[in-house]
Amino acid sequence: MASLTLVTATKNPGKVRELAALLADMDVRLLSLADFPELPDIPEEGATFAENARFKAKETARLTGLPALADDSGLEVAALGGRPGVFSARYAQDRTAPRPPTDEDNWRKLLDEMQNVPWGERRARFVCEIALALPDGRVFRAKGECPGYIALQPEGEQGFGYDPVFWLPEYGATMASVGLEVKNAISHRARALNELKKILHKLAREAAAAGN
């Protein structure tokens, strides 16, 4: 049995798979909000990634009584003044539409807005803020970034979100083309989570000791 049960504050299957891979070297049982269908949706109303991550983690820990890991991440494009930013997941939102936008809706809108922007001005970065909230009220945080460019056209079928249009110059490919092993070594989420792993190791040891 895992030494530590951790709830990740998301129902996004792509994000859950990515977090599970990043935590595969730890003695952790990872749950998600999909395992708690009775819980209400937790809104993302903060002005920053850090505010959203902290709020989601604290609410998830409060509602489940378990340590909770929440991240808020997105894409910041220099030529667009930092957009889509905290609105990355709903950038192509149409309030008249019966469904939320898909990943493809979002990155196609981005490419449309960037169609006249020259290559040298297509700089962007993925940003991830992670918060770890414990039922006793303690909250820890970490941040990770991954720089790159907005590609001229989509490429690759791996990953999720804006991965097909996020170009990594050092690899000559998009994030959706480099493979999960590379992504888990360089992504903004991987870099943020690596900062929190020391704390998770300590919590896992505490949980194991308490069970003896």
N, C-alpha and C. Protein backbone atom coordinates (compact mmCIF):
# COMPACT_ATOMS: atom_id res chain seq x y z
N MET A 1 0.86 -1.19 0.00
CA MET A 1 0.00 0.00 0.00
C MET A 1 0.89 1.24 0.00
N ALA A 2 0.46 2.26 -0.73
CA ALA A 2 1.25 3.48 -0.80
C ALA A 2 1.31 4.17 0.54
N SER A 3 2.45 4.83 0.80
CA SER A 3 2.64 5.51 2.06
C SER A 3 1.82 6.80 2.14
N LEU A 4 1.49 7.36 0.99
CA LEU A 4 0.79 8.64 0.97
C LEU A 4 -0.29 8.63 -0.10
N THR A 5 -1.51 8.98 0.29
CA THR A 5 -2.60 9.17 -0.68
C THR A 5 -2.73 10.66 -0.95
N LEU A 6 -2.76 11.00 -2.22
CA LEU A 6 -2.75 12.39 -2.65
C LEU A 6 -3.86 12.59 -3.67
N VAL A 7 -4.63 13.66 -3.51
CA VAL A 7 -5.69 13.99 -4.46
C VAL A 7 -5.22 15.14 -5.34
N THR A 8 -5.24 14.94 -6.64
CA THR A 8 -4.93 16.04 -7.54
C THR A 8 -6.24 16.72 -7.95
N ALA A 9 -6.26 18.03 -7.83
CA ALA A 9 -7.51 18.80 -7.98
C ALA A 9 -7.84 19.05 -9.44
N THR A 10 -8.03 17.96 -10.18
CA THR A 10 -8.40 18.08 -11.58
C THR A 10 -9.17 16.83 -12.00
N LYS A 11 -9.96 16.97 -13.06
CA LYS A 11 -10.60 15.84 -13.71
C LYS A 11 -10.02 15.62 -15.11
N ASN A 12 -9.07 16.47 -15.49
CA ASN A 12 -8.46 16.39 -16.81
C ASN A 12 -7.62 15.12 -16.91
N PRO A 13 -8.01 14.15 -17.74
CA PRO A 13 -7.28 12.87 -17.78
C PRO A 13 -5.84 13.03 -18.28
N GLY A 14 -5.61 13.98 -19.19
CA GLY A 14 -4.25 14.21 -19.66
C GLY A 14 -3.35 14.71 -18.56
N LYS A 15 -3.86 15.62 -17.75
CA LYS A 15 -3.07 16.15 -16.64
C LYS A 15 -2.83 15.08 -15.58
N VAL A 16 -3.85 14.25 -15.32
CA VAL A 16 -3.70 13.18 -14.33
C VAL A 16 -2.62 12.19 -14.79
N ARG A 17 -2.64 11.81 -16.06
CA ARG A 17 -1.62 10.89 -16.58
C ARG A 17 -0.22 11.50 -16.45
N GLU A 18 -0.12 12.78 -16.77
CA GLU A 18 1.18 13.43 -16.69
C GLU A 18 1.69 13.48 -15.26
N LEU A 19 0.81 13.84 -14.31
CA LEU A 19 1.22 13.88 -12.91
C LEU A 19 1.58 12.48 -12.41
N ALA A 20 0.82 11.47 -12.81
CA ALA A 20 1.11 10.10 -12.39
C ALA A 20 2.49 9.67 -12.87
N ALA A 21 2.84 10.04 -14.10
CA ALA A 21 4.16 9.70 -14.63
C ALA A 21 5.25 10.43 -13.86
N LEU A 22 5.00 11.69 -13.51
CA LEU A 22 6.00 12.47 -12.78
C LEU A 22 6.20 11.98 -11.36
N LEU A 23 5.17 11.32 -10.81
CA LEU A 23 5.24 10.82 -9.43
C LEU A 23 5.50 9.32 -9.37
N ALA A 24 5.81 8.72 -10.52
CA ALA A 24 5.95 7.26 -10.59
C ALA A 24 7.09 6.74 -9.72
N ASP A 25 8.06 7.57 -9.42
CA ASP A 25 9.19 7.12 -8.61
C ASP A 25 8.94 7.27 -7.11
N MET A 26 7.72 7.65 -6.76
CA MET A 26 7.38 7.85 -5.35
C MET A 26 6.33 6.85 -4.89
N ASP A 27 6.29 6.60 -3.59
CA ASP A 27 5.32 5.68 -3.00
C ASP A 27 4.04 6.44 -2.70
N VAL A 28 3.34 6.82 -3.79
CA VAL A 28 2.16 7.67 -3.67
C VAL A 28 0.99 7.04 -4.40
N ARG A 29 -0.16 7.05 -3.76
CA ARG A 29 -1.41 6.66 -4.42
C ARG A 29 -2.08 7.95 -4.89
N LEU A 30 -2.21 8.11 -6.19
CA LEU A 30 -2.74 9.35 -6.74
C LEU A 30 -4.20 9.20 -7.12
N LEU A 31 -5.04 10.04 -6.50
CA LEU A 31 -6.45 10.13 -6.86
C LEU A 31 -6.69 11.44 -7.59
N SER A 32 -7.86 11.58 -8.18
CA SER A 32 -8.23 12.84 -8.82
C SER A 32 -9.67 13.18 -8.43
N LEU A 33 -10.13 14.34 -8.84
CA LEU A 33 -11.50 14.74 -8.52
C LEU A 33 -12.51 13.82 -9.20
N ALA A 34 -12.09 13.10 -10.23
CA ALA A 34 -12.99 12.14 -10.86
C ALA A 34 -13.34 11.00 -9.91
N ASP A 35 -12.51 10.80 -8.88
CA ASP A 35 -12.79 9.78 -7.87
C ASP A 35 -13.77 10.27 -6.80
N PHE A 36 -14.13 11.56 -6.88
CA PHE A 36 -15.06 12.16 -5.91
C PHE A 36 -16.16 12.89 -6.68
N PRO A 37 -17.00 12.15 -7.41
CA PRO A 37 -18.01 12.79 -8.26
C PRO A 37 -19.04 13.61 -7.50
N GLU A 38 -19.14 13.39 -6.20
CA GLU A 38 -20.12 14.13 -5.40
C GLU A 38 -19.66 15.55 -5.06
N LEU A 39 -18.39 15.84 -5.26
CA LEU A 39 -17.87 17.15 -4.89
C LEU A 39 -18.27 18.22 -5.91
N PRO A 40 -18.51 19.44 -5.46
CA PRO A 40 -18.85 20.53 -6.39
C PRO A 40 -17.62 20.95 -7.19
N ASP A 41 -17.88 21.59 -8.32
CA ASP A 41 -16.79 22.14 -9.11
C ASP A 41 -16.11 23.26 -8.33
N ILE A 42 -14.81 23.33 -8.44
CA ILE A 42 -14.05 24.38 -7.75
C ILE A 42 -13.70 25.46 -8.76
N PRO A 43 -14.19 26.67 -8.58
CA PRO A 43 -13.99 27.72 -9.59
C PRO A 43 -12.55 28.22 -9.63
N GLU A 44 -12.17 28.73 -10.79
CA GLU A 44 -10.86 29.36 -10.96
C GLU A 44 -11.10 30.84 -11.22
N GLU A 45 -11.15 31.62 -10.17
CA GLU A 45 -11.49 33.03 -10.29
C GLU A 45 -10.35 33.96 -9.89
N GLY A 46 -9.18 33.39 -9.61
CA GLY A 46 -8.03 34.20 -9.23
C GLY A 46 -7.46 34.97 -10.40
N ALA A 47 -6.71 36.02 -10.09
CA ALA A 47 -6.09 36.84 -11.13
C ALA A 47 -4.76 36.28 -11.59
N THR A 48 -4.22 35.30 -10.84
CA THR A 48 -2.92 34.72 -11.18
C THR A 48 -2.98 33.21 -11.08
N PHE A 49 -1.99 32.55 -11.70
CA PHE A 49 -1.89 31.10 -11.59
C PHE A 49 -1.73 30.69 -10.13
N ALA A 50 -0.92 31.43 -9.37
CA ALA A 50 -0.65 31.09 -7.97
C ALA A 50 -1.92 31.14 -7.14
N GLU A 51 -2.75 32.16 -7.33
CA GLU A 51 -4.00 32.28 -6.57
C GLU A 51 -4.92 31.10 -6.86
N ASN A 52 -5.05 30.74 -8.14
CA ASN A 52 -5.93 29.64 -8.50
C ASN A 52 -5.43 28.31 -7.93
N ALA A 53 -4.13 28.06 -8.02
CA ALA A 53 -3.58 26.80 -7.51
C ALA A 53 -3.79 26.68 -6.01
N ARG A 54 -3.51 27.75 -5.29
CA ARG A 54 -3.66 27.73 -3.83
C ARG A 54 -5.12 27.48 -3.43
N PHE A 55 -6.04 28.17 -4.07
CA PHE A 55 -7.45 28.03 -3.71
C PHE A 55 -7.94 26.61 -4.01
N LYS A 56 -7.60 26.08 -5.19
CA LYS A 56 -8.05 24.73 -5.55
C LYS A 56 -7.48 23.68 -4.61
N ALA A 57 -6.21 23.84 -4.25
CA ALA A 57 -5.59 22.86 -3.35
C ALA A 57 -6.25 22.90 -1.97
N LYS A 58 -6.45 24.09 -1.43
CA LYS A 58 -7.04 24.22 -0.10
C LYS A 58 -8.47 23.69 -0.08
N GLU A 59 -9.25 24.00 -1.10
CA GLU A 59 -10.64 23.53 -1.15
C GLU A 59 -10.69 22.01 -1.29
N THR A 60 -9.81 21.45 -2.12
CA THR A 60 -9.81 20.01 -2.30
C THR A 60 -9.40 19.30 -1.02
N ALA A 61 -8.42 19.82 -0.32
CA ALA A 61 -8.01 19.24 0.96
C ALA A 61 -9.14 19.33 1.98
N ARG A 62 -9.83 20.47 1.99
CA ARG A 62 -10.94 20.65 2.94
C ARG A 62 -12.09 19.69 2.65
N LEU A 63 -12.41 19.50 1.37
CA LEU A 63 -13.56 18.69 1.00
C LEU A 63 -13.29 17.19 1.11
N THR A 64 -12.05 16.78 0.91
CA THR A 64 -11.72 15.35 0.92
C THR A 64 -11.07 14.89 2.21
N GLY A 65 -10.48 15.83 2.96
CA GLY A 65 -9.75 15.47 4.15
C GLY A 65 -8.41 14.81 3.85
N LEU A 66 -7.93 14.96 2.63
CA LEU A 66 -6.68 14.35 2.20
C LEU A 66 -5.72 15.43 1.70
N PRO A 67 -4.41 15.16 1.71
CA PRO A 67 -3.48 16.11 1.09
C PRO A 67 -3.86 16.31 -0.37
N ALA A 68 -3.82 17.54 -0.83
CA ALA A 68 -4.29 17.85 -2.18
C ALA A 68 -3.23 18.62 -2.95
N LEU A 69 -3.08 18.23 -4.19
CA LEU A 69 -2.13 18.87 -5.09
C LEU A 69 -2.92 19.54 -6.22
N ALA A 70 -2.71 20.83 -6.38
CA ALA A 70 -3.40 21.56 -7.44
C ALA A 70 -2.40 22.38 -8.22
N ASP A 71 -2.62 22.42 -9.51
CA ASP A 71 -1.78 23.30 -10.30
C ASP A 71 -2.66 24.18 -11.16
N ASP A 72 -2.17 25.36 -11.42
CA ASP A 72 -2.80 26.18 -12.45
C ASP A 72 -1.69 26.55 -13.40
N SER A 73 -1.92 26.26 -14.63
CA SER A 73 -0.87 26.47 -15.61
C SER A 73 -1.47 26.99 -16.90
N GLY A 74 -0.62 27.56 -17.72
CA GLY A 74 -1.10 28.08 -18.97
C GLY A 74 0.01 28.65 -19.80
N LEU A 75 -0.40 29.28 -20.85
CA LEU A 75 0.53 29.79 -21.85
C LEU A 75 0.52 31.31 -21.83
N GLU A 76 1.70 31.89 -21.81
CA GLU A 76 1.84 33.34 -21.90
C GLU A 76 2.62 33.67 -23.17
N VAL A 77 2.01 34.48 -24.03
CA VAL A 77 2.60 34.82 -25.32
C VAL A 77 3.00 36.29 -25.30
N ALA A 78 4.28 36.56 -25.54
CA ALA A 78 4.79 37.92 -25.44
C ALA A 78 4.08 38.88 -26.39
N ALA A 79 3.85 38.45 -27.63
CA ALA A 79 3.24 39.32 -28.63
C ALA A 79 1.79 39.66 -28.32
N LEU A 80 1.18 38.87 -27.44
CA LEU A 80 -0.22 39.11 -27.06
C LEU A 80 -0.33 39.71 -25.66
N GLY A 81 0.77 40.27 -25.17
CA GLY A 81 0.75 40.90 -23.86
C GLY A 81 0.55 39.93 -22.72
N GLY A 82 0.97 38.67 -22.92
CA GLY A 82 0.82 37.67 -21.87
C GLY A 82 -0.40 36.79 -22.00
N ARG A 83 -1.31 37.12 -22.93
CA ARG A 83 -2.45 36.23 -23.15
C ARG A 83 -1.97 34.92 -23.77
N PRO A 84 -2.75 33.83 -23.58
CA PRO A 84 -4.03 33.75 -22.87
C PRO A 84 -3.93 33.69 -21.35
N GLY A 85 -2.74 33.42 -20.79
CA GLY A 85 -2.56 33.49 -19.33
C GLY A 85 -3.52 32.59 -18.57
N VAL A 86 -4.14 33.15 -17.54
CA VAL A 86 -5.03 32.35 -16.68
C VAL A 86 -6.29 31.90 -17.42
N PHE A 87 -6.51 32.43 -18.62
CA PHE A 87 -7.67 32.02 -19.41
C PHE A 87 -7.31 30.96 -20.45
N SER A 88 -6.12 30.36 -20.33
CA SER A 88 -5.64 29.43 -21.34
C SER A 88 -6.63 28.30 -21.63
N ALA A 89 -7.21 27.72 -20.59
CA ALA A 89 -8.09 26.56 -20.78
C ALA A 89 -9.43 26.94 -21.40
N ARG A 90 -9.78 28.20 -21.35
CA ARG A 90 -11.06 28.64 -21.91
C ARG A 90 -10.88 29.84 -22.85
N TYR A 91 -9.76 29.87 -23.52
CA TYR A 91 -9.42 31.01 -24.36
C TYR A 91 -10.43 31.21 -25.50
N ALA A 92 -10.92 30.11 -26.07
CA ALA A 92 -11.87 30.21 -27.18
C ALA A 92 -13.31 30.09 -26.70
N GLN A 93 -13.53 30.37 -25.42
CA GLN A 93 -14.87 30.22 -24.85
C GLN A 93 -15.90 31.06 -25.59
N ASP A 94 -16.97 30.41 -25.98
CA ASP A 94 -18.11 31.09 -26.60
C ASP A 94 -19.29 30.87 -25.67
N ARG A 95 -19.72 31.93 -25.02
CA ARG A 95 -20.78 31.79 -24.01
C ARG A 95 -22.10 31.30 -24.60
N THR A 96 -22.25 31.38 -25.91
CA THR A 96 -23.48 30.89 -26.54
C THR A 96 -23.38 29.42 -26.92
N ALA A 97 -22.16 28.85 -26.82
CA ALA A 97 -21.97 27.46 -27.21
C ALA A 97 -22.42 26.53 -26.09
N PRO A 98 -22.93 25.34 -26.43
CA PRO A 98 -23.42 24.40 -25.42
C PRO A 98 -22.31 23.65 -24.69
N ARG A 99 -21.07 23.81 -25.12
CA ARG A 99 -19.97 23.07 -24.50
C ARG A 99 -18.77 23.98 -24.33
N PRO A 100 -17.86 23.63 -23.41
CA PRO A 100 -16.63 24.41 -23.27
C PRO A 100 -15.72 24.18 -24.47
N PRO A 101 -14.76 25.07 -24.71
CA PRO A 101 -13.88 24.89 -25.87
C PRO A 101 -12.96 23.69 -25.70
N THR A 102 -12.63 23.06 -26.81
CA THR A 102 -11.68 21.96 -26.79
C THR A 102 -10.26 22.54 -26.86
N ASP A 103 -9.27 21.68 -26.62
CA ASP A 103 -7.89 22.11 -26.77
C ASP A 103 -7.66 22.67 -28.17
N GLU A 104 -8.20 21.98 -29.18
CA GLU A 104 -8.01 22.45 -30.56
C GLU A 104 -8.67 23.79 -30.80
N ASP A 105 -9.84 24.02 -30.22
CA ASP A 105 -10.48 25.33 -30.34
C ASP A 105 -9.54 26.43 -29.84
N ASN A 106 -8.91 26.16 -28.70
CA ASN A 106 -8.05 27.17 -28.08
C ASN A 106 -6.81 27.46 -28.92
N TRP A 107 -6.11 26.39 -29.36
CA TRP A 107 -4.87 26.68 -30.09
C TRP A 107 -5.14 27.18 -31.50
N ARG A 108 -6.28 26.83 -32.07
CA ARG A 108 -6.61 27.40 -33.39
C ARG A 108 -6.90 28.89 -33.27
N LYS A 109 -7.56 29.31 -32.21
CA LYS A 109 -7.78 30.73 -32.00
C LYS A 109 -6.44 31.44 -31.84
N LEU A 110 -5.53 30.83 -31.09
CA LEU A 110 -4.21 31.42 -30.89
C LEU A 110 -3.47 31.56 -32.22
N LEU A 111 -3.48 30.53 -33.04
CA LEU A 111 -2.80 30.59 -34.34
C LEU A 111 -3.41 31.66 -35.23
N ASP A 112 -4.72 31.80 -35.18
CA ASP A 112 -5.39 32.86 -35.96
C ASP A 112 -4.89 34.23 -35.54
N GLU A 113 -4.77 34.44 -34.24
CA GLU A 113 -4.32 35.73 -33.74
C GLU A 113 -2.85 35.99 -34.05
N MET A 114 -2.09 34.92 -34.23
CA MET A 114 -0.65 35.04 -34.43
C MET A 114 -0.25 34.95 -35.90
N GLN A 115 -1.19 34.88 -36.82
CA GLN A 115 -0.86 34.58 -38.20
C GLN A 115 0.02 35.63 -38.87
N ASN A 116 -0.02 36.88 -38.41
CA ASN A 116 0.81 37.93 -39.00
C ASN A 116 2.02 38.29 -38.15
N VAL A 117 2.28 37.50 -37.11
CA VAL A 117 3.41 37.77 -36.22
C VAL A 117 4.64 37.03 -36.74
N PRO A 118 5.74 37.74 -37.03
CA PRO A 118 6.94 37.07 -37.54
C PRO A 118 7.57 36.14 -36.51
N TRP A 119 8.38 35.21 -37.01
CA TRP A 119 8.94 34.17 -36.14
C TRP A 119 9.69 34.73 -34.94
N GLY A 120 10.50 35.73 -35.16
CA GLY A 120 11.30 36.27 -34.07
C GLY A 120 10.50 36.90 -32.96
N GLU A 121 9.22 37.16 -33.21
CA GLU A 121 8.37 37.78 -32.20
C GLU A 121 7.32 36.81 -31.65
N ARG A 122 7.53 35.53 -31.87
CA ARG A 122 6.54 34.54 -31.43
C ARG A 122 6.96 33.86 -30.13
N ARG A 123 7.78 34.54 -29.33
CA ARG A 123 8.23 33.96 -28.06
C ARG A 123 7.05 33.74 -27.11
N ALA A 124 7.14 32.65 -26.37
CA ALA A 124 6.09 32.30 -25.42
C ALA A 124 6.70 31.46 -24.31
N ARG A 125 5.92 31.23 -23.27
CA ARG A 125 6.37 30.35 -22.20
C ARG A 125 5.17 29.68 -21.56
N PHE A 126 5.35 28.42 -21.21
CA PHE A 126 4.40 27.74 -20.36
C PHE A 126 4.78 28.06 -18.91
N VAL A 127 3.78 28.33 -18.09
CA VAL A 127 3.99 28.63 -16.67
C VAL A 127 3.12 27.70 -15.85
N CYS A 128 3.68 27.17 -14.78
CA CYS A 128 2.92 26.31 -13.88
C CYS A 128 3.17 26.71 -12.43
N GLU A 129 2.11 26.93 -11.71
CA GLU A 129 2.16 27.14 -10.26
C GLU A 129 1.50 25.93 -9.61
N ILE A 130 2.21 25.28 -8.71
CA ILE A 130 1.67 24.13 -7.99
C ILE A 130 1.54 24.46 -6.51
N ALA A 131 0.42 24.06 -5.94
CA ALA A 131 0.21 24.22 -4.50
C ALA A 131 -0.11 22.85 -3.90
N LEU A 132 0.48 22.58 -2.77
CA LEU A 132 0.19 21.37 -2.01
C LEU A 132 -0.42 21.80 -0.69
N ALA A 133 -1.69 21.43 -0.49
CA ALA A 133 -2.40 21.79 0.74
C ALA A 133 -2.64 20.55 1.59
N LEU A 134 -2.39 20.69 2.88
CA LEU A 134 -2.62 19.60 3.81
C LEU A 134 -3.88 19.87 4.63
N PRO A 135 -4.54 18.82 5.09
CA PRO A 135 -5.76 19.02 5.89
C PRO A 135 -5.54 19.85 7.14
N ASP A 136 -4.29 19.93 7.63
CA ASP A 136 -4.03 20.73 8.83
C ASP A 136 -3.86 22.22 8.53
N GLY A 137 -4.02 22.60 7.26
CA GLY A 137 -3.97 24.01 6.90
C GLY A 137 -2.66 24.46 6.27
N ARG A 138 -1.63 23.63 6.35
CA ARG A 138 -0.36 24.02 5.73
C ARG A 138 -0.46 23.99 4.21
N VAL A 139 0.19 24.98 3.56
CA VAL A 139 0.20 25.04 2.10
C VAL A 139 1.63 25.30 1.63
N PHE A 140 2.06 24.54 0.65
CA PHE A 140 3.38 24.72 0.05
C PHE A 140 3.18 25.04 -1.43
N ARG A 141 4.14 25.75 -2.02
CA ARG A 141 3.99 26.10 -3.44
C ARG A 141 5.33 26.03 -4.16
N ALA A 142 5.22 25.91 -5.48
CA ALA A 142 6.40 25.90 -6.34
C ALA A 142 5.99 26.38 -7.72
N LYS A 143 6.97 26.86 -8.48
CA LYS A 143 6.69 27.39 -9.81
C LYS A 143 7.68 26.82 -10.81
N GLY A 144 7.20 26.56 -12.02
CA GLY A 144 8.06 26.10 -13.10
C GLY A 144 7.71 26.80 -14.39
N GLU A 145 8.70 27.00 -15.24
CA GLU A 145 8.50 27.64 -16.54
C GLU A 145 9.21 26.85 -17.62
N CYS A 146 8.68 26.92 -18.83
CA CYS A 146 9.30 26.31 -20.00
C CYS A 146 9.20 27.30 -21.16
N PRO A 147 10.32 27.86 -21.64
CA PRO A 147 10.28 28.83 -22.73
C PRO A 147 10.23 28.17 -24.10
N GLY A 148 9.68 28.89 -25.06
CA GLY A 148 9.62 28.38 -26.42
C GLY A 148 9.04 29.41 -27.36
N TYR A 149 8.46 28.95 -28.46
CA TYR A 149 7.84 29.81 -29.46
C TYR A 149 6.50 29.23 -29.87
N ILE A 150 5.65 30.06 -30.44
CA ILE A 150 4.40 29.57 -31.01
C ILE A 150 4.68 29.14 -32.44
N ALA A 151 4.43 27.87 -32.72
CA ALA A 151 4.71 27.31 -34.04
C ALA A 151 3.80 27.95 -35.11
N LEU A 152 4.22 27.81 -36.35
CA LEU A 152 3.43 28.35 -37.45
C LEU A 152 2.24 27.47 -37.77
N GLN A 153 2.35 26.18 -37.41
CA GLN A 153 1.24 25.25 -37.63
C GLN A 153 1.36 24.12 -36.61
N PRO A 154 0.27 23.42 -36.33
CA PRO A 154 0.31 22.35 -35.32
C PRO A 154 1.14 21.17 -35.79
N GLU A 155 1.73 20.49 -34.83
CA GLU A 155 2.55 19.31 -35.14
C GLU A 155 2.54 18.38 -33.95
N GLY A 156 2.32 17.09 -34.19
CA GLY A 156 2.39 16.09 -33.14
C GLY A 156 1.03 15.76 -32.55
N GLU A 157 0.94 14.56 -31.99
CA GLU A 157 -0.34 14.09 -31.45
C GLU A 157 -0.26 13.67 -29.99
N GLN A 158 0.89 13.92 -29.36
CA GLN A 158 1.02 13.58 -27.95
C GLN A 158 0.76 14.83 -27.10
N GLY A 159 0.62 14.62 -25.80
CA GLY A 159 0.38 15.76 -24.91
C GLY A 159 -1.06 16.24 -25.00
N PHE A 160 -1.28 17.46 -24.53
CA PHE A 160 -2.62 18.03 -24.52
C PHE A 160 -2.48 19.54 -24.47
N GLY A 161 -3.61 20.24 -24.41
CA GLY A 161 -3.57 21.70 -24.35
C GLY A 161 -2.93 22.31 -25.59
N TYR A 162 -1.98 23.21 -25.36
CA TYR A 162 -1.32 23.91 -26.46
C TYR A 162 -0.05 23.20 -26.95
N ASP A 163 0.18 21.98 -26.49
CA ASP A 163 1.40 21.26 -26.88
C ASP A 163 1.63 21.20 -28.39
N PRO A 164 0.58 21.02 -29.22
CA PRO A 164 0.83 20.91 -30.67
C PRO A 164 1.36 22.19 -31.32
N VAL A 165 1.22 23.33 -30.64
CA VAL A 165 1.67 24.58 -31.26
C VAL A 165 2.78 25.26 -30.45
N PHE A 166 3.35 24.53 -29.48
CA PHE A 166 4.42 25.11 -28.67
C PHE A 166 5.75 24.54 -29.14
N TRP A 167 6.55 25.39 -29.78
CA TRP A 167 7.79 24.96 -30.42
C TRP A 167 8.96 25.07 -29.46
N LEU A 168 9.73 23.98 -29.39
CA LEU A 168 10.92 23.91 -28.54
C LEU A 168 12.15 24.01 -29.44
N PRO A 169 12.81 25.17 -29.51
CA PRO A 169 13.94 25.35 -30.43
C PRO A 169 15.06 24.33 -30.24
N GLU A 170 15.33 23.96 -28.99
CA GLU A 170 16.44 23.05 -28.73
C GLU A 170 16.18 21.64 -29.25
N TYR A 171 14.91 21.30 -29.50
CA TYR A 171 14.55 19.99 -30.04
C TYR A 171 14.09 20.06 -31.49
N GLY A 172 13.85 21.26 -32.00
CA GLY A 172 13.37 21.40 -33.36
C GLY A 172 12.02 20.74 -33.58
N ALA A 173 11.17 20.80 -32.54
CA ALA A 173 9.87 20.12 -32.59
C ALA A 173 8.93 20.78 -31.59
N THR A 174 7.64 20.46 -31.73
CA THR A 174 6.67 20.96 -30.76
C THR A 174 6.66 20.06 -29.54
N MET A 175 6.05 20.56 -28.47
CA MET A 175 5.93 19.77 -27.24
C MET A 175 5.14 18.49 -27.50
N ALA A 176 4.24 18.51 -28.46
CA ALA A 176 3.43 17.33 -28.76
C ALA A 176 4.17 16.30 -29.60
N SER A 177 5.40 16.62 -30.01
CA SER A 177 6.16 15.72 -30.87
C SER A 177 7.38 15.11 -30.20
N VAL A 178 7.80 15.63 -29.05
CA VAL A 178 9.07 15.19 -28.47
C VAL A 178 8.95 13.91 -27.64
N GLY A 179 7.73 13.51 -27.32
CA GLY A 179 7.55 12.30 -26.53
C GLY A 179 7.40 12.61 -25.05
N LEU A 180 6.70 11.71 -24.36
CA LEU A 180 6.38 11.94 -22.96
C LEU A 180 7.62 11.97 -22.08
N GLU A 181 8.61 11.15 -22.39
CA GLU A 181 9.82 11.11 -21.56
C GLU A 181 10.53 12.47 -21.57
N VAL A 182 10.66 13.06 -22.76
CA VAL A 182 11.30 14.37 -22.86
C VAL A 182 10.44 15.43 -22.19
N LYS A 183 9.14 15.39 -22.47
CA LYS A 183 8.24 16.39 -21.87
C LYS A 183 8.31 16.35 -20.35
N ASN A 184 8.34 15.16 -19.78
CA ASN A 184 8.36 15.05 -18.33
C ASN A 184 9.69 15.47 -17.72
N ALA A 185 10.69 15.69 -18.57
CA ALA A 185 11.97 16.18 -18.08
C ALA A 185 12.08 17.70 -18.16
N ILE A 186 11.35 18.31 -19.10
CA ILE A 186 11.55 19.74 -19.37
C ILE A 186 10.33 20.61 -19.15
N SER A 187 9.16 20.00 -18.98
CA SER A 187 7.94 20.81 -18.94
C SER A 187 7.87 21.70 -17.71
N HIS A 188 7.05 22.72 -17.83
CA HIS A 188 6.82 23.64 -16.72
C HIS A 188 6.25 22.90 -15.51
N ARG A 189 5.37 21.93 -15.76
CA ARG A 189 4.77 21.18 -14.66
C ARG A 189 5.81 20.28 -13.99
N ALA A 190 6.67 19.67 -14.80
CA ALA A 190 7.72 18.82 -14.24
C ALA A 190 8.67 19.64 -13.37
N ARG A 191 9.04 20.82 -13.83
CA ARG A 191 9.97 21.65 -13.08
C ARG A 191 9.35 22.13 -11.77
N ALA A 192 8.06 22.46 -11.80
CA ALA A 192 7.40 22.89 -10.57
C ALA A 192 7.25 21.72 -9.60
N LEU A 193 6.85 20.57 -10.13
CA LEU A 193 6.62 19.42 -9.25
C LEU A 193 7.92 18.92 -8.64
N ASN A 194 9.01 19.00 -9.38
CA ASN A 194 10.30 18.58 -8.83
C ASN A 194 10.67 19.39 -7.60
N GLU A 195 10.24 20.66 -7.57
CA GLU A 195 10.50 21.50 -6.40
C GLU A 195 9.71 21.03 -5.19
N LEU A 196 8.55 20.43 -5.44
CA LEU A 196 7.71 19.97 -4.33
C LEU A 196 7.99 18.52 -3.91
N LYS A 197 8.77 17.82 -4.70
CA LYS A 197 9.00 16.40 -4.40
C LYS A 197 9.69 16.19 -3.05
N LYS A 198 10.55 17.10 -2.67
CA LYS A 198 11.22 16.97 -1.38
C LYS A 198 10.20 16.96 -0.25
N ILE A 199 9.20 17.82 -0.37
CA ILE A 199 8.14 17.88 0.65
C ILE A 199 7.31 16.60 0.61
N LEU A 200 6.99 16.13 -0.60
CA LEU A 200 6.21 14.90 -0.72
C LEU A 200 6.95 13.70 -0.14
N HIS A 201 8.26 13.64 -0.35
CA HIS A 201 9.04 12.56 0.24
C HIS A 201 8.94 12.59 1.77
N LYS A 202 9.01 13.78 2.34
CA LYS A 202 8.92 13.92 3.79
C LYS A 202 7.54 13.48 4.29
N LEU A 203 6.48 13.90 3.58
CA LEU A 203 5.12 13.53 3.98
C LEU A 203 4.91 12.02 3.86
N ALA A 204 5.47 11.41 2.82
CA ALA A 204 5.34 9.97 2.65
C ALA A 204 6.01 9.22 3.80
N ARG A 205 7.17 9.72 4.23
CA ARG A 205 7.86 9.08 5.36
C ARG A 205 7.03 9.22 6.63
N GLU A 206 6.43 10.42 6.82
CA GLU A 206 5.59 10.63 7.99
C GLU A 206 4.39 9.70 8.00
N ALA A 207 3.77 9.54 6.80
CA ALA A 207 2.59 8.66 6.70
C ALA A 207 2.98 7.21 6.97
N ALA A 208 4.14 6.80 6.46
CA ALA A 208 4.59 5.43 6.69
C ALA A 208 4.87 5.18 8.17
N ALA A 209 5.49 6.15 8.79
CA ALA A 209 5.80 6.03 10.23
C ALA A 209 4.53 5.97 11.06
N ALA A 210 3.53 6.75 10.68
CA ALA A 210 2.28 6.78 11.43
C ALA A 210 1.52 5.45 11.30
N GLY A 211 1.75 4.76 10.20
CA GLY A 211 1.06 3.48 10.00
C GLY A 211 1.70 2.31 10.69
N ASN A 212 2.90 2.51 11.22
CA ASN A 212 3.61 1.42 11.91
C ASN A 212 3.15 1.29 13.36
